[in-house]
Amino acid sequence: MSRIGKKPVEITKGVTITVGTDNVVTVKGPKGELKQAVDSDIIIEVTEGVLEVKRPTEQIRHRAMHGLYRSLISNMVKGVTEGYTKKMELVGVGFKAANQGNLLDLALGYSHNIIFEIPKELKVATSQEKGQNPMISLEGADKQLIGQVCAKLRSLRKPEPYKGKGVKFAGEVLRRKAGKGAGK
């Protein structure tokens, strides 16, 4: 039995969950509204401040989806109440980040600046303090969307293993290599 799937999702105050046609779960809260399509075999029951995800059989496919959909719905509930924040750091000489609304202007050591459009569901903020690396902060209700945008930003200039230059998550520890001076 799935340990995660068995655990009920507590619906906090101010959050409404509705299960529509075609098993589409809609979660509304103070920070926005999120929708997730759930497989038609999975049963979702909402009762008195608690949501339970149940599976019809013990098939491998049903067992796999049981915990998945419970986690996705739990993330949606947390997202519309508290929201999610990810911070990214730009490590490198001359690396800069600036934003105008949801347009992010990045200088990452290429011959040109990269203009990156952040989805309207997310809020972006940049900061540059003296003696510190430039920071990009993404905030929103959708955990999947934030992770996807962060992965795309990171792919623009991945951190390299020798000096650690590139776009990385704040607090991320990189595996470093010694370089060619280590063999002597």
N, C-alpha and C. Protein backbone atom coordinates (compact mmCIF):
# COMPACT_ATOMS: atom_id res chain seq x y z
N MET A 1 0.85 -1.19 0.00
CA MET A 1 0.00 0.00 0.00
C MET A 1 0.88 1.25 0.00
N SER A 2 0.53 2.20 -0.79
CA SER A 2 1.28 3.44 -0.88
C SER A 2 1.15 4.23 0.41
N ARG A 3 2.28 4.56 0.99
CA ARG A 3 2.24 5.33 2.24
C ARG A 3 1.81 6.77 1.98
N ILE A 4 2.31 7.32 0.88
CA ILE A 4 1.95 8.71 0.56
C ILE A 4 0.50 8.78 0.11
N GLY A 5 0.07 7.83 -0.71
CA GLY A 5 -1.30 7.84 -1.23
C GLY A 5 -2.35 7.69 -0.15
N LYS A 6 -2.05 6.93 0.91
CA LYS A 6 -3.00 6.71 1.99
C LYS A 6 -3.21 7.96 2.83
N LYS A 7 -2.19 8.80 2.91
CA LYS A 7 -2.23 9.98 3.77
C LYS A 7 -3.25 10.99 3.23
N PRO A 8 -4.21 11.42 4.05
CA PRO A 8 -5.20 12.39 3.56
C PRO A 8 -4.59 13.79 3.43
N VAL A 9 -5.12 14.57 2.49
CA VAL A 9 -4.69 15.96 2.29
C VAL A 9 -5.62 16.86 3.09
N GLU A 10 -5.06 17.61 4.03
CA GLU A 10 -5.87 18.52 4.83
C GLU A 10 -6.14 19.80 4.03
N ILE A 11 -7.40 20.18 3.96
CA ILE A 11 -7.79 21.38 3.24
C ILE A 11 -7.82 22.53 4.25
N THR A 12 -6.91 23.48 4.08
CA THR A 12 -6.81 24.59 5.02
C THR A 12 -7.94 25.59 4.79
N LYS A 13 -8.10 26.49 5.74
CA LYS A 13 -9.16 27.49 5.68
C LYS A 13 -8.94 28.42 4.50
N GLY A 14 -9.99 28.73 3.77
CA GLY A 14 -9.90 29.62 2.62
C GLY A 14 -9.61 28.91 1.32
N VAL A 15 -9.51 27.57 1.36
CA VAL A 15 -9.22 26.80 0.15
C VAL A 15 -10.46 25.97 -0.21
N THR A 16 -10.85 26.02 -1.47
CA THR A 16 -11.97 25.19 -1.94
C THR A 16 -11.47 24.25 -3.02
N ILE A 17 -11.85 22.99 -2.90
CA ILE A 17 -11.46 21.98 -3.88
C ILE A 17 -12.72 21.42 -4.52
N THR A 18 -12.74 21.42 -5.86
CA THR A 18 -13.86 20.84 -6.58
C THR A 18 -13.33 19.83 -7.59
N VAL A 19 -14.05 18.71 -7.70
CA VAL A 19 -13.71 17.69 -8.68
C VAL A 19 -14.75 17.78 -9.79
N GLY A 20 -14.32 18.20 -10.97
CA GLY A 20 -15.24 18.42 -12.08
C GLY A 20 -15.37 17.21 -12.96
N THR A 21 -15.92 17.44 -14.12
CA THR A 21 -16.07 16.37 -15.09
C THR A 21 -14.69 15.95 -15.59
N ASP A 22 -14.58 14.72 -16.04
CA ASP A 22 -13.32 14.15 -16.52
C ASP A 22 -12.24 14.15 -15.43
N ASN A 23 -12.65 14.12 -14.17
CA ASN A 23 -11.72 14.06 -13.02
C ASN A 23 -10.70 15.21 -13.04
N VAL A 24 -11.15 16.43 -13.27
CA VAL A 24 -10.28 17.60 -13.19
C VAL A 24 -10.45 18.21 -11.81
N VAL A 25 -9.35 18.25 -11.06
CA VAL A 25 -9.38 18.80 -9.70
C VAL A 25 -9.00 20.28 -9.78
N THR A 26 -9.87 21.15 -9.23
CA THR A 26 -9.62 22.58 -9.20
C THR A 26 -9.45 23.01 -7.76
N VAL A 27 -8.34 23.67 -7.47
CA VAL A 27 -8.04 24.16 -6.12
C VAL A 27 -7.98 25.68 -6.18
N LYS A 28 -8.84 26.34 -5.38
CA LYS A 28 -8.87 27.80 -5.33
C LYS A 28 -8.47 28.24 -3.93
N GLY A 29 -7.66 29.29 -3.88
CA GLY A 29 -7.21 29.81 -2.59
C GLY A 29 -6.83 31.26 -2.71
N PRO A 30 -6.27 31.83 -1.63
CA PRO A 30 -5.92 33.25 -1.64
C PRO A 30 -4.84 33.62 -2.66
N LYS A 31 -3.96 32.68 -3.04
CA LYS A 31 -2.87 32.99 -3.97
C LYS A 31 -3.18 32.62 -5.41
N GLY A 32 -4.39 32.11 -5.68
CA GLY A 32 -4.74 31.81 -7.06
C GLY A 32 -5.55 30.54 -7.21
N GLU A 33 -5.60 30.06 -8.44
CA GLU A 33 -6.38 28.87 -8.78
C GLU A 33 -5.52 27.94 -9.63
N LEU A 34 -5.52 26.65 -9.28
CA LEU A 34 -4.75 25.65 -10.02
C LEU A 34 -5.66 24.50 -10.43
N LYS A 35 -5.36 23.89 -11.59
CA LYS A 35 -6.14 22.75 -12.07
C LYS A 35 -5.20 21.60 -12.38
N GLN A 36 -5.68 20.38 -12.15
CA GLN A 36 -4.91 19.18 -12.45
C GLN A 36 -5.85 18.10 -12.94
N ALA A 37 -5.56 17.55 -14.10
CA ALA A 37 -6.35 16.43 -14.63
C ALA A 37 -5.85 15.15 -13.96
N VAL A 38 -6.78 14.37 -13.42
CA VAL A 38 -6.46 13.13 -12.72
C VAL A 38 -6.96 11.97 -13.56
N ASP A 39 -6.22 10.87 -13.57
CA ASP A 39 -6.61 9.68 -14.32
C ASP A 39 -8.02 9.25 -13.92
N SER A 40 -8.80 8.76 -14.88
CA SER A 40 -10.20 8.43 -14.62
C SER A 40 -10.36 7.25 -13.66
N ASP A 41 -9.34 6.40 -13.51
CA ASP A 41 -9.43 5.27 -12.59
C ASP A 41 -9.30 5.68 -11.12
N ILE A 42 -8.59 6.75 -10.85
CA ILE A 42 -8.33 7.19 -9.48
C ILE A 42 -9.58 7.88 -8.93
N ILE A 43 -9.93 7.53 -7.68
CA ILE A 43 -11.14 8.07 -7.02
C ILE A 43 -10.70 9.16 -6.04
N ILE A 44 -11.35 10.33 -6.14
CA ILE A 44 -11.04 11.44 -5.24
C ILE A 44 -12.29 11.78 -4.45
N GLU A 45 -12.15 11.74 -3.12
CA GLU A 45 -13.28 12.04 -2.22
C GLU A 45 -12.94 13.25 -1.36
N VAL A 46 -13.83 14.23 -1.35
CA VAL A 46 -13.66 15.42 -0.52
C VAL A 46 -14.73 15.40 0.56
N THR A 47 -14.29 15.35 1.84
CA THR A 47 -15.23 15.35 2.97
C THR A 47 -14.69 16.22 4.09
N GLU A 48 -15.48 17.13 4.59
CA GLU A 48 -15.22 17.93 5.79
C GLU A 48 -13.76 18.31 6.00
N GLY A 49 -13.19 19.08 5.11
CA GLY A 49 -11.84 19.58 5.29
C GLY A 49 -10.73 18.58 5.01
N VAL A 50 -11.08 17.43 4.44
CA VAL A 50 -10.07 16.41 4.13
C VAL A 50 -10.33 15.85 2.73
N LEU A 51 -9.26 15.69 1.96
CA LEU A 51 -9.36 15.08 0.64
C LEU A 51 -8.61 13.75 0.67
N GLU A 52 -9.25 12.71 0.16
CA GLU A 52 -8.62 11.39 0.11
C GLU A 52 -8.54 10.92 -1.33
N VAL A 53 -7.41 10.31 -1.66
CA VAL A 53 -7.19 9.74 -2.98
C VAL A 53 -7.21 8.22 -2.82
N LYS A 54 -8.05 7.55 -3.60
CA LYS A 54 -8.18 6.10 -3.50
C LYS A 54 -7.98 5.47 -4.86
N ARG A 55 -7.52 4.21 -4.85
CA ARG A 55 -7.32 3.48 -6.09
C ARG A 55 -8.25 2.28 -6.13
N PRO A 56 -8.69 1.89 -7.32
CA PRO A 56 -9.67 0.80 -7.42
C PRO A 56 -9.06 -0.59 -7.22
N THR A 57 -7.84 -0.83 -7.72
CA THR A 57 -7.23 -2.15 -7.65
C THR A 57 -5.78 -2.04 -7.20
N GLU A 58 -5.13 -3.19 -7.10
CA GLU A 58 -3.72 -3.23 -6.71
C GLU A 58 -2.80 -3.37 -7.93
N GLN A 59 -3.28 -3.00 -9.11
CA GLN A 59 -2.43 -3.04 -10.31
C GLN A 59 -1.24 -2.10 -10.12
N ILE A 60 -0.14 -2.43 -10.77
CA ILE A 60 1.06 -1.60 -10.66
C ILE A 60 0.77 -0.18 -11.13
N ARG A 61 0.00 -0.04 -12.21
CA ARG A 61 -0.33 1.28 -12.75
C ARG A 61 -1.13 2.10 -11.74
N HIS A 62 -2.11 1.47 -11.10
CA HIS A 62 -2.92 2.18 -10.10
C HIS A 62 -2.10 2.54 -8.87
N ARG A 63 -1.22 1.65 -8.45
CA ARG A 63 -0.38 1.93 -7.29
C ARG A 63 0.56 3.08 -7.57
N ALA A 64 1.08 3.15 -8.79
CA ALA A 64 2.00 4.23 -9.16
C ALA A 64 1.30 5.59 -9.16
N MET A 65 0.08 5.62 -9.70
CA MET A 65 -0.64 6.89 -9.80
C MET A 65 -1.23 7.35 -8.46
N HIS A 66 -1.44 6.43 -7.54
CA HIS A 66 -2.06 6.74 -6.25
C HIS A 66 -1.27 7.80 -5.50
N GLY A 67 0.01 7.55 -5.28
CA GLY A 67 0.85 8.50 -4.55
C GLY A 67 1.14 9.75 -5.36
N LEU A 68 1.26 9.60 -6.69
CA LEU A 68 1.55 10.73 -7.56
C LEU A 68 0.46 11.79 -7.46
N TYR A 69 -0.79 11.39 -7.64
CA TYR A 69 -1.88 12.38 -7.64
C TYR A 69 -2.11 12.97 -6.26
N ARG A 70 -1.88 12.18 -5.22
CA ARG A 70 -1.99 12.71 -3.86
C ARG A 70 -0.96 13.81 -3.65
N SER A 71 0.29 13.58 -4.10
CA SER A 71 1.36 14.57 -3.96
C SER A 71 1.07 15.82 -4.78
N LEU A 72 0.58 15.64 -6.00
CA LEU A 72 0.27 16.79 -6.85
C LEU A 72 -0.82 17.66 -6.24
N ILE A 73 -1.86 17.02 -5.70
CA ILE A 73 -2.96 17.79 -5.08
C ILE A 73 -2.48 18.48 -3.81
N SER A 74 -1.63 17.79 -3.03
CA SER A 74 -1.08 18.39 -1.82
C SER A 74 -0.23 19.62 -2.16
N ASN A 75 0.57 19.52 -3.22
CA ASN A 75 1.38 20.66 -3.66
C ASN A 75 0.50 21.82 -4.12
N MET A 76 -0.63 21.50 -4.75
CA MET A 76 -1.55 22.54 -5.19
C MET A 76 -2.16 23.27 -4.00
N VAL A 77 -2.55 22.52 -2.96
CA VAL A 77 -3.14 23.13 -1.77
C VAL A 77 -2.11 24.04 -1.10
N LYS A 78 -0.87 23.57 -0.97
CA LYS A 78 0.17 24.39 -0.35
C LYS A 78 0.47 25.62 -1.21
N GLY A 79 0.44 25.45 -2.53
CA GLY A 79 0.73 26.55 -3.44
C GLY A 79 -0.27 27.68 -3.36
N VAL A 80 -1.57 27.35 -3.27
CA VAL A 80 -2.59 28.42 -3.24
C VAL A 80 -2.71 29.06 -1.85
N THR A 81 -2.14 28.43 -0.81
CA THR A 81 -2.17 29.05 0.52
C THR A 81 -0.88 29.80 0.82
N GLU A 82 0.27 29.11 0.72
CA GLU A 82 1.55 29.73 1.07
C GLU A 82 2.32 30.21 -0.15
N GLY A 83 2.26 29.45 -1.23
CA GLY A 83 3.02 29.76 -2.42
C GLY A 83 4.42 29.15 -2.34
N TYR A 84 5.12 29.17 -3.45
CA TYR A 84 6.47 28.61 -3.53
C TYR A 84 7.43 29.69 -3.99
N THR A 85 8.67 29.64 -3.50
CA THR A 85 9.71 30.58 -3.88
C THR A 85 10.99 29.82 -4.18
N LYS A 86 11.64 30.16 -5.27
CA LYS A 86 12.96 29.60 -5.60
C LYS A 86 13.88 30.77 -5.90
N LYS A 87 15.11 30.66 -5.38
CA LYS A 87 16.12 31.69 -5.63
C LYS A 87 17.25 31.09 -6.43
N MET A 88 17.72 31.86 -7.42
CA MET A 88 18.83 31.43 -8.26
C MET A 88 19.93 32.48 -8.18
N GLU A 89 21.16 31.98 -8.29
CA GLU A 89 22.33 32.83 -8.13
C GLU A 89 23.15 32.80 -9.42
N LEU A 90 23.65 33.95 -9.84
CA LEU A 90 24.48 34.04 -11.03
C LEU A 90 25.93 34.22 -10.59
N VAL A 91 26.76 33.19 -10.80
CA VAL A 91 28.14 33.21 -10.36
C VAL A 91 29.03 33.41 -11.57
N GLY A 92 29.78 34.50 -11.60
CA GLY A 92 30.70 34.76 -12.70
C GLY A 92 30.96 36.26 -12.84
N VAL A 93 32.14 36.60 -13.34
CA VAL A 93 32.51 38.00 -13.52
C VAL A 93 31.66 38.61 -14.63
N GLY A 94 30.98 39.70 -14.33
CA GLY A 94 30.17 40.39 -15.32
C GLY A 94 28.78 39.82 -15.50
N PHE A 95 28.42 38.80 -14.76
CA PHE A 95 27.07 38.24 -14.87
C PHE A 95 26.09 39.18 -14.19
N LYS A 96 25.01 39.50 -14.90
CA LYS A 96 24.02 40.44 -14.37
C LYS A 96 22.62 39.96 -14.68
N ALA A 97 21.67 40.40 -13.87
CA ALA A 97 20.25 40.11 -14.10
C ALA A 97 19.44 41.35 -13.78
N ALA A 98 18.50 41.67 -14.66
CA ALA A 98 17.59 42.79 -14.43
C ALA A 98 16.24 42.41 -15.00
N ASN A 99 15.19 42.93 -14.39
CA ASN A 99 13.86 42.62 -14.90
C ASN A 99 13.02 43.87 -15.06
N GLN A 100 12.16 43.84 -16.08
CA GLN A 100 11.14 44.87 -16.29
C GLN A 100 9.84 44.12 -16.41
N GLY A 101 9.06 44.10 -15.34
CA GLY A 101 7.84 43.30 -15.32
C GLY A 101 8.23 41.83 -15.34
N ASN A 102 7.74 41.09 -16.33
CA ASN A 102 8.07 39.67 -16.42
C ASN A 102 9.11 39.38 -17.51
N LEU A 103 9.81 40.39 -17.97
CA LEU A 103 10.93 40.19 -18.89
C LEU A 103 12.22 40.23 -18.10
N LEU A 104 13.00 39.17 -18.24
CA LEU A 104 14.26 39.04 -17.51
C LEU A 104 15.41 39.25 -18.49
N ASP A 105 16.28 40.21 -18.19
CA ASP A 105 17.43 40.51 -19.04
C ASP A 105 18.67 39.96 -18.36
N LEU A 106 19.31 38.97 -18.99
CA LEU A 106 20.45 38.28 -18.39
C LEU A 106 21.72 38.53 -19.20
N ALA A 107 22.80 38.88 -18.51
CA ALA A 107 24.12 38.98 -19.11
C ALA A 107 24.93 37.82 -18.52
N LEU A 108 25.17 36.78 -19.34
CA LEU A 108 25.80 35.56 -18.83
C LEU A 108 27.13 35.24 -19.52
N GLY A 109 27.82 36.28 -19.98
CA GLY A 109 29.13 36.07 -20.57
C GLY A 109 29.11 35.76 -22.05
N TYR A 110 27.96 35.79 -22.68
CA TYR A 110 27.88 35.61 -24.12
C TYR A 110 28.07 36.96 -24.80
N SER A 111 28.13 36.98 -26.12
CA SER A 111 28.33 38.23 -26.86
C SER A 111 27.07 39.10 -26.84
N HIS A 112 25.97 38.55 -26.38
CA HIS A 112 24.70 39.27 -26.36
C HIS A 112 23.97 38.99 -25.04
N ASN A 113 23.06 39.86 -24.69
CA ASN A 113 22.21 39.63 -23.52
C ASN A 113 21.08 38.68 -23.91
N ILE A 114 20.61 37.92 -22.93
CA ILE A 114 19.50 36.99 -23.16
C ILE A 114 18.25 37.61 -22.55
N ILE A 115 17.21 37.77 -23.36
CA ILE A 115 15.93 38.26 -22.87
C ILE A 115 15.04 37.03 -22.68
N PHE A 116 14.61 36.80 -21.44
CA PHE A 116 13.83 35.62 -21.09
C PHE A 116 12.48 36.07 -20.56
N GLU A 117 11.41 35.56 -21.15
CA GLU A 117 10.07 35.94 -20.71
C GLU A 117 9.57 34.95 -19.67
N ILE A 118 9.27 35.44 -18.49
CA ILE A 118 8.75 34.64 -17.39
C ILE A 118 7.23 34.55 -17.56
N PRO A 119 6.62 33.36 -17.36
CA PRO A 119 5.16 33.25 -17.47
C PRO A 119 4.45 34.21 -16.52
N LYS A 120 3.26 34.68 -16.95
CA LYS A 120 2.54 35.70 -16.18
C LYS A 120 2.06 35.20 -14.82
N GLU A 121 2.01 33.86 -14.63
CA GLU A 121 1.57 33.30 -13.34
C GLU A 121 2.62 33.49 -12.25
N LEU A 122 3.86 33.77 -12.64
CA LEU A 122 4.95 33.89 -11.68
C LEU A 122 5.37 35.34 -11.51
N LYS A 123 5.90 35.64 -10.32
CA LYS A 123 6.47 36.96 -10.06
C LYS A 123 7.99 36.79 -10.01
N VAL A 124 8.68 37.70 -10.65
CA VAL A 124 10.14 37.64 -10.68
C VAL A 124 10.71 38.90 -10.05
N ALA A 125 11.80 38.73 -9.30
CA ALA A 125 12.51 39.86 -8.70
C ALA A 125 14.00 39.60 -8.83
N THR A 126 14.76 40.65 -9.11
CA THR A 126 16.21 40.52 -9.20
C THR A 126 16.85 41.44 -8.18
N SER A 127 18.00 41.04 -7.68
CA SER A 127 18.71 41.89 -6.73
C SER A 127 20.21 41.79 -6.99
N GLN A 128 20.88 42.91 -6.82
CA GLN A 128 22.33 42.99 -7.01
C GLN A 128 22.89 43.81 -5.86
N GLU A 129 23.55 43.14 -4.92
CA GLU A 129 24.16 43.84 -3.79
C GLU A 129 25.66 43.81 -3.96
N LYS A 130 26.32 44.85 -3.49
CA LYS A 130 27.76 44.96 -3.63
C LYS A 130 28.45 43.83 -2.87
N GLY A 131 29.36 43.16 -3.54
CA GLY A 131 30.08 42.05 -2.91
C GLY A 131 29.34 40.72 -2.96
N GLN A 132 28.13 40.71 -3.48
CA GLN A 132 27.33 39.49 -3.58
C GLN A 132 27.05 39.18 -5.05
N ASN A 133 26.75 37.93 -5.33
CA ASN A 133 26.36 37.54 -6.67
C ASN A 133 24.95 38.01 -6.97
N PRO A 134 24.63 38.32 -8.24
CA PRO A 134 23.25 38.68 -8.59
C PRO A 134 22.30 37.53 -8.28
N MET A 135 21.10 37.86 -7.81
CA MET A 135 20.10 36.86 -7.43
C MET A 135 18.83 37.07 -8.24
N ILE A 136 18.19 35.95 -8.60
CA ILE A 136 16.88 35.97 -9.25
C ILE A 136 15.94 35.22 -8.32
N SER A 137 14.80 35.82 -8.00
CA SER A 137 13.83 35.18 -7.13
C SER A 137 12.52 34.98 -7.89
N LEU A 138 12.05 33.74 -7.94
CA LEU A 138 10.79 33.41 -8.61
C LEU A 138 9.77 33.01 -7.56
N GLU A 139 8.56 33.53 -7.68
CA GLU A 139 7.51 33.27 -6.70
C GLU A 139 6.20 32.98 -7.41
N GLY A 140 5.46 31.98 -6.92
CA GLY A 140 4.18 31.66 -7.53
C GLY A 140 3.49 30.52 -6.80
N ALA A 141 2.31 30.15 -7.29
CA ALA A 141 1.52 29.10 -6.65
C ALA A 141 1.79 27.73 -7.24
N ASP A 142 2.25 27.65 -8.48
CA ASP A 142 2.42 26.39 -9.19
C ASP A 142 3.86 25.88 -9.05
N LYS A 143 4.05 24.84 -8.26
CA LYS A 143 5.38 24.28 -8.00
C LYS A 143 6.02 23.74 -9.27
N GLN A 144 5.24 23.08 -10.11
CA GLN A 144 5.76 22.52 -11.35
C GLN A 144 6.26 23.61 -12.29
N LEU A 145 5.51 24.69 -12.42
CA LEU A 145 5.88 25.78 -13.32
C LEU A 145 7.16 26.46 -12.84
N ILE A 146 7.28 26.69 -11.54
CA ILE A 146 8.49 27.32 -11.00
C ILE A 146 9.71 26.44 -11.27
N GLY A 147 9.58 25.15 -11.04
CA GLY A 147 10.68 24.23 -11.29
C GLY A 147 11.08 24.19 -12.75
N GLN A 148 10.10 24.24 -13.63
CA GLN A 148 10.35 24.20 -15.07
C GLN A 148 11.08 25.47 -15.52
N VAL A 149 10.66 26.63 -15.03
CA VAL A 149 11.30 27.89 -15.41
C VAL A 149 12.72 27.95 -14.85
N CYS A 150 12.90 27.48 -13.62
CA CYS A 150 14.24 27.45 -13.02
C CYS A 150 15.18 26.54 -13.82
N ALA A 151 14.68 25.40 -14.26
CA ALA A 151 15.49 24.49 -15.05
C ALA A 151 15.89 25.12 -16.38
N LYS A 152 14.97 25.87 -16.99
CA LYS A 152 15.27 26.54 -18.25
C LYS A 152 16.31 27.64 -18.04
N LEU A 153 16.19 28.42 -16.95
CA LEU A 153 17.17 29.46 -16.65
C LEU A 153 18.55 28.85 -16.41
N ARG A 154 18.58 27.74 -15.69
CA ARG A 154 19.84 27.07 -15.38
C ARG A 154 20.50 26.55 -16.66
N SER A 155 19.67 26.09 -17.62
CA SER A 155 20.22 25.53 -18.86
C SER A 155 20.87 26.60 -19.75
N LEU A 156 20.58 27.88 -19.50
CA LEU A 156 21.19 28.95 -20.29
C LEU A 156 22.70 29.02 -20.06
N ARG A 157 23.16 28.71 -18.83
CA ARG A 157 24.58 28.66 -18.51
C ARG A 157 24.74 27.79 -17.27
N LYS A 158 24.91 26.47 -17.51
CA LYS A 158 25.04 25.53 -16.39
C LYS A 158 26.33 25.80 -15.62
N PRO A 159 26.33 25.58 -14.31
CA PRO A 159 27.55 25.78 -13.53
C PRO A 159 28.62 24.76 -13.97
N GLU A 160 29.82 25.27 -14.21
CA GLU A 160 30.88 24.36 -14.63
C GLU A 160 31.65 23.88 -13.41
N PRO A 161 32.31 22.72 -13.48
CA PRO A 161 32.89 22.09 -12.28
C PRO A 161 34.22 22.65 -11.82
N TYR A 162 34.89 23.52 -12.60
CA TYR A 162 36.22 23.99 -12.22
C TYR A 162 36.17 25.26 -11.37
N LYS A 163 35.48 26.27 -11.84
CA LYS A 163 35.38 27.52 -11.07
C LYS A 163 33.98 27.72 -10.48
N GLY A 164 33.00 26.96 -10.95
CA GLY A 164 31.64 27.08 -10.44
C GLY A 164 30.85 28.19 -11.08
N LYS A 165 31.34 28.72 -12.23
CA LYS A 165 30.63 29.81 -12.90
C LYS A 165 29.37 29.30 -13.57
N GLY A 166 28.31 30.08 -13.51
CA GLY A 166 27.06 29.73 -14.18
C GLY A 166 25.85 30.12 -13.34
N VAL A 167 24.68 29.64 -13.76
CA VAL A 167 23.43 29.91 -13.05
C VAL A 167 23.14 28.70 -12.17
N LYS A 168 23.03 28.92 -10.86
CA LYS A 168 22.78 27.82 -9.94
C LYS A 168 21.72 28.23 -8.92
N PHE A 169 21.17 27.23 -8.23
CA PHE A 169 20.21 27.50 -7.17
C PHE A 169 20.95 28.06 -5.97
N ALA A 170 20.32 28.95 -5.22
CA ALA A 170 20.93 29.50 -4.02
C ALA A 170 21.11 28.38 -3.00
N GLY A 171 22.30 28.26 -2.48
CA GLY A 171 22.58 27.22 -1.49
C GLY A 171 22.97 25.88 -2.09
N GLU A 172 22.99 25.78 -3.42
CA GLU A 172 23.35 24.52 -4.07
C GLU A 172 24.85 24.28 -3.93
N VAL A 173 25.23 23.06 -3.59
CA VAL A 173 26.64 22.69 -3.47
C VAL A 173 27.02 21.95 -4.75
N LEU A 174 28.02 22.48 -5.43
CA LEU A 174 28.47 21.90 -6.69
C LEU A 174 29.65 20.97 -6.45
N ARG A 175 29.71 19.90 -7.24
CA ARG A 175 30.85 19.01 -7.19
C ARG A 175 31.96 19.64 -8.02
N ARG A 176 33.08 19.94 -7.36
CA ARG A 176 34.16 20.65 -8.02
C ARG A 176 35.28 19.72 -8.40
N LYS A 177 35.97 20.05 -9.49
CA LYS A 177 37.14 19.30 -9.95
C LYS A 177 38.39 20.11 -9.65
N ALA A 178 39.52 19.43 -9.50
CA ALA A 178 40.76 20.09 -9.12
C ALA A 178 41.39 20.87 -10.26
N GLY A 179 41.29 20.42 -11.49
CA GLY A 179 41.92 21.09 -12.61
C GLY A 179 43.25 20.46 -12.94
N LYS A 180 44.01 21.08 -13.87
CA LYS A 180 45.22 20.42 -14.33
C LYS A 180 46.40 20.59 -13.37
N GLY A 181 46.30 21.47 -12.42
CA GLY A 181 47.38 21.64 -11.43
C GLY A 181 47.39 20.57 -10.37
N ALA A 182 46.39 19.73 -10.30
CA ALA A 182 46.27 18.75 -9.23
C ALA A 182 47.19 17.56 -9.43
N GLY A 183 47.60 17.27 -10.68
CA GLY A 183 48.42 16.09 -10.95
C GLY A 183 49.89 16.30 -10.61
N LYS A 184 50.32 17.50 -10.29
CA LYS A 184 51.75 17.79 -10.06
C LYS A 184 52.13 17.63 -8.61
